[in-house]
Amino acid sequence: MWRTVNPRGKPTGPLLVATFWPDLPEKIDAVYEAPQDEKAVFFSGNEYWVYSASNLERGYPKKLTNLGLPPDVQRVDAAFNWGRNKRTYIFAGDRYWKYNEEKKKMELASPKFIADSWNGVPDNLDAVLGLVDSGYTYFFKDQYYLQMEDKSLKIVKIGKINSDWLGC
């Protein structure tokens, strides 16, 4: 895990996930922060965990189906809460689901194909990061990232993670 406290700061790390959340499994597939509740949601295999700060919420972990994902989804590739519409997007393979944090349920139009809605964004993502105040969302795949402008929904930059994010 890499950690940064502000979008312009260089990340520190790598750090063990267990440093902050000791109840999680070693392998984490995806994580996002739900800013409405100030909770962190972690995905590993077909389960997910919800934390308030470093405290595991009662009743977790739960199966992905409890979140509204179909049984054929056995792992989540990436997830993020988009500041533009306050919805959480959950990516798995070539599809994505839109989750309403306030209503605690999936949107009726889910799932959709990534290629049909996110022009230029690849399937089987590694991670997604939405920086609310920056106006950009970042999609990570292998050693590259794509920077999408939130207003136009266009990819404005493709770069290398090592040099642009980690300074190596």
Protein backbone atom coordinates (compact mmCIF):
# COMPACT_ATOMS: atom_id res chain seq x y z
CA MET A 1 0.00 0.00 0.00
CA TRP A 2 1.14 3.52 -0.77
CA ARG A 3 -0.22 6.43 1.21
CA THR A 4 -0.43 10.16 0.60
CA VAL A 5 -2.20 12.84 2.61
CA ASN A 6 -2.66 15.31 -0.21
CA PRO A 7 -3.00 14.95 -3.99
CA ARG A 8 0.22 16.88 -4.70
CA GLY A 9 2.36 15.08 -2.15
CA LYS A 10 4.66 12.19 -2.95
CA PRO A 11 3.33 8.95 -1.52
CA THR A 12 5.10 7.18 1.32
CA GLY A 13 5.53 3.46 1.31
CA PRO A 14 5.21 0.76 0.56
CA LEU A 15 3.46 -0.02 3.82
CA LEU A 16 1.77 -3.22 4.92
CA VAL A 17 -2.03 -3.00 4.85
CA ALA A 18 -2.01 -4.75 8.24
CA THR A 19 -0.30 -1.65 9.69
CA PHE A 20 -3.66 0.13 9.63
CA TRP A 21 -6.24 -2.67 9.20
CA PRO A 22 -5.00 -5.87 10.88
CA ASP A 23 -8.23 -7.87 10.30
CA LEU A 24 -7.88 -7.84 6.51
CA PRO A 25 -6.50 -10.71 4.43
CA GLU A 26 -3.02 -10.30 2.92
CA LYS A 27 -4.32 -9.96 -0.65
CA ILE A 28 -6.54 -6.95 -1.30
CA ASP A 29 -8.10 -6.71 -4.77
CA ALA A 30 -9.57 -3.20 -4.47
CA VAL A 31 -10.43 -0.49 -1.98
CA TYR A 32 -12.35 2.78 -2.03
CA GLU A 33 -13.36 5.46 0.43
CA ALA A 34 -17.06 6.30 0.82
CA PRO A 35 -16.77 9.99 1.74
CA GLN A 36 -20.46 10.27 2.63
CA ASP A 37 -19.94 7.89 5.57
CA GLU A 38 -16.18 8.34 5.98
CA LYS A 39 -15.73 4.59 5.61
CA ALA A 40 -13.18 2.51 3.73
CA VAL A 41 -14.43 -0.52 1.79
CA PHE A 42 -11.93 -3.30 1.00
CA PHE A 43 -12.44 -6.18 -1.46
CA SER A 44 -10.68 -9.54 -1.42
CA GLY A 45 -11.94 -12.49 -3.42
CA ASN A 46 -15.72 -12.76 -3.13
CA GLU A 47 -15.91 -10.79 0.14
CA TYR A 48 -15.75 -7.18 1.29
CA TRP A 49 -14.97 -5.41 4.58
CA VAL A 50 -16.16 -1.99 5.78
CA TYR A 51 -14.07 0.07 8.18
CA SER A 52 -14.66 3.29 10.09
CA ALA A 53 -11.10 4.56 10.56
CA SER A 54 -9.26 1.44 11.75
CA ASN A 55 -12.35 -0.26 13.23
CA LEU A 56 -14.03 -3.12 11.37
CA GLU A 57 -17.80 -2.60 11.22
CA ARG A 58 -19.92 -5.27 12.92
CA GLY A 59 -20.98 -8.17 10.67
CA TYR A 60 -18.09 -7.95 8.18
CA PRO A 61 -16.75 -9.47 6.04
CA LYS A 62 -19.76 -10.06 3.79
CA LYS A 63 -20.16 -11.72 0.40
CA LEU A 64 -20.13 -9.53 -2.73
CA THR A 65 -23.71 -10.62 -3.42
CA ASN A 66 -24.78 -8.68 -0.28
CA LEU A 67 -23.58 -5.55 -2.04
CA GLY A 68 -25.77 -6.35 -5.05
CA LEU A 69 -23.16 -7.93 -7.31
CA PRO A 70 -24.19 -11.13 -9.13
CA PRO A 71 -22.83 -14.51 -7.97
CA ASP A 72 -20.61 -14.85 -11.07
CA VAL A 73 -18.45 -11.93 -9.86
CA GLN A 74 -15.81 -13.66 -7.78
CA ARG A 75 -13.54 -10.63 -7.34
CA VAL A 76 -13.56 -6.87 -7.82
CA ASP A 77 -10.78 -5.36 -9.95
CA ALA A 78 -11.19 -1.72 -8.89
CA ALA A 79 -13.64 0.63 -7.21
CA PHE A 80 -13.94 4.35 -6.54
CA ASN A 81 -16.45 6.93 -5.37
CA TRP A 82 -16.79 9.62 -8.02
CA GLY A 83 -17.08 13.12 -6.63
CA ARG A 84 -18.93 14.25 -9.75
CA ASN A 85 -22.14 12.35 -8.93
CA LYS A 86 -21.39 10.84 -5.48
CA ARG A 87 -21.81 7.29 -6.84
CA THR A 88 -19.45 4.38 -6.32
CA TYR A 89 -18.27 2.52 -9.42
CA ILE A 90 -17.23 -1.11 -9.03
CA PHE A 91 -15.25 -2.71 -11.88
CA ALA A 92 -14.89 -6.44 -12.58
CA GLY A 93 -13.57 -7.79 -15.87
CA ASP A 94 -15.23 -5.93 -18.75
CA ARG A 95 -18.19 -4.64 -16.70
CA TYR A 96 -18.92 -2.06 -14.04
CA TRP A 97 -21.70 -1.45 -11.53
CA LYS A 98 -22.91 1.86 -10.11
CA TYR A 99 -23.67 1.79 -6.38
CA ASN A 100 -25.73 4.40 -4.54
CA GLU A 101 -24.09 4.94 -1.14
CA GLU A 102 -27.07 6.86 0.28
CA LYS A 103 -29.63 4.17 -0.62
CA LYS A 104 -27.13 1.34 -0.05
CA LYS A 105 -28.04 -0.43 -3.28
CA MET A 106 -26.98 -0.91 -6.89
CA GLU A 107 -28.44 1.37 -9.53
CA LEU A 108 -31.01 -0.37 -11.74
CA ALA A 109 -29.02 0.23 -14.94
CA SER A 110 -26.10 -1.88 -13.66
CA PRO A 111 -24.06 -3.60 -14.95
CA LYS A 112 -22.74 -1.97 -18.10
CA PHE A 113 -19.72 -2.68 -20.26
CA ILE A 114 -16.71 -0.50 -19.49
CA ALA A 115 -16.10 0.11 -23.21
CA ASP A 116 -19.62 1.49 -23.68
CA SER A 117 -19.32 4.21 -21.02
CA TRP A 118 -15.66 4.89 -20.26
CA ASN A 119 -14.10 5.69 -23.64
CA GLY A 120 -10.52 4.44 -23.80
CA VAL A 121 -10.51 2.79 -20.36
CA PRO A 122 -9.28 -0.83 -20.50
CA ASP A 123 -11.00 -3.88 -19.03
CA ASN A 124 -9.52 -5.76 -16.05
CA LEU A 125 -8.30 -2.63 -14.30
CA ASP A 126 -5.82 -2.70 -11.43
CA ALA A 127 -7.13 0.40 -9.62
CA VAL A 128 -9.07 3.66 -9.99
CA LEU A 129 -8.50 6.89 -8.08
CA GLY A 130 -10.86 9.85 -8.18
CA LEU A 131 -9.36 13.07 -6.84
CA VAL A 132 -12.39 15.24 -6.14
CA ASP A 133 -10.79 18.68 -6.10
CA SER A 134 -8.48 18.01 -9.05
CA GLY A 135 -11.19 17.44 -11.67
CA TYR A 136 -9.50 14.22 -12.78
CA THR A 137 -9.96 10.48 -12.34
CA TYR A 138 -7.05 8.08 -12.77
CA PHE A 139 -7.34 4.52 -14.12
CA PHE A 140 -4.42 2.15 -13.49
CA LYS A 141 -3.56 -0.90 -15.59
CA ASP A 142 -0.25 -2.78 -15.53
CA GLN A 143 2.54 -0.16 -15.49
CA TYR A 144 0.41 2.63 -17.00
CA TYR A 145 -2.26 5.08 -15.87
CA LEU A 146 -4.86 7.04 -17.79
CA GLN A 147 -5.86 10.51 -16.64
CA MET A 148 -9.50 11.33 -17.44
CA GLU A 149 -10.88 14.84 -17.24
CA ASP A 150 -14.11 14.57 -15.26
CA LYS A 151 -16.01 17.31 -17.15
CA SER A 152 -15.36 16.03 -20.68
CA LEU A 153 -14.96 12.32 -19.77
CA LYS A 154 -11.94 12.26 -22.11
CA ILE A 155 -8.58 10.67 -21.51
CA VAL A 156 -6.12 13.57 -21.51
CA LYS A 157 -2.93 11.74 -20.58
CA ILE A 158 -1.43 8.27 -20.52
CA GLY A 159 1.67 7.91 -18.39
CA LYS A 160 3.90 5.50 -16.54
CA ILE A 161 3.11 4.84 -12.88
CA ASN A 162 6.74 4.45 -11.81
CA SER A 163 7.98 7.79 -13.12
CA ASP A 164 4.86 9.96 -12.71
CA TRP A 165 3.46 8.64 -9.42
CA LEU A 166 6.31 6.98 -7.56
CA GLY A 167 9.21 9.11 -8.76
CA CYS A 168 11.37 6.17 -9.88
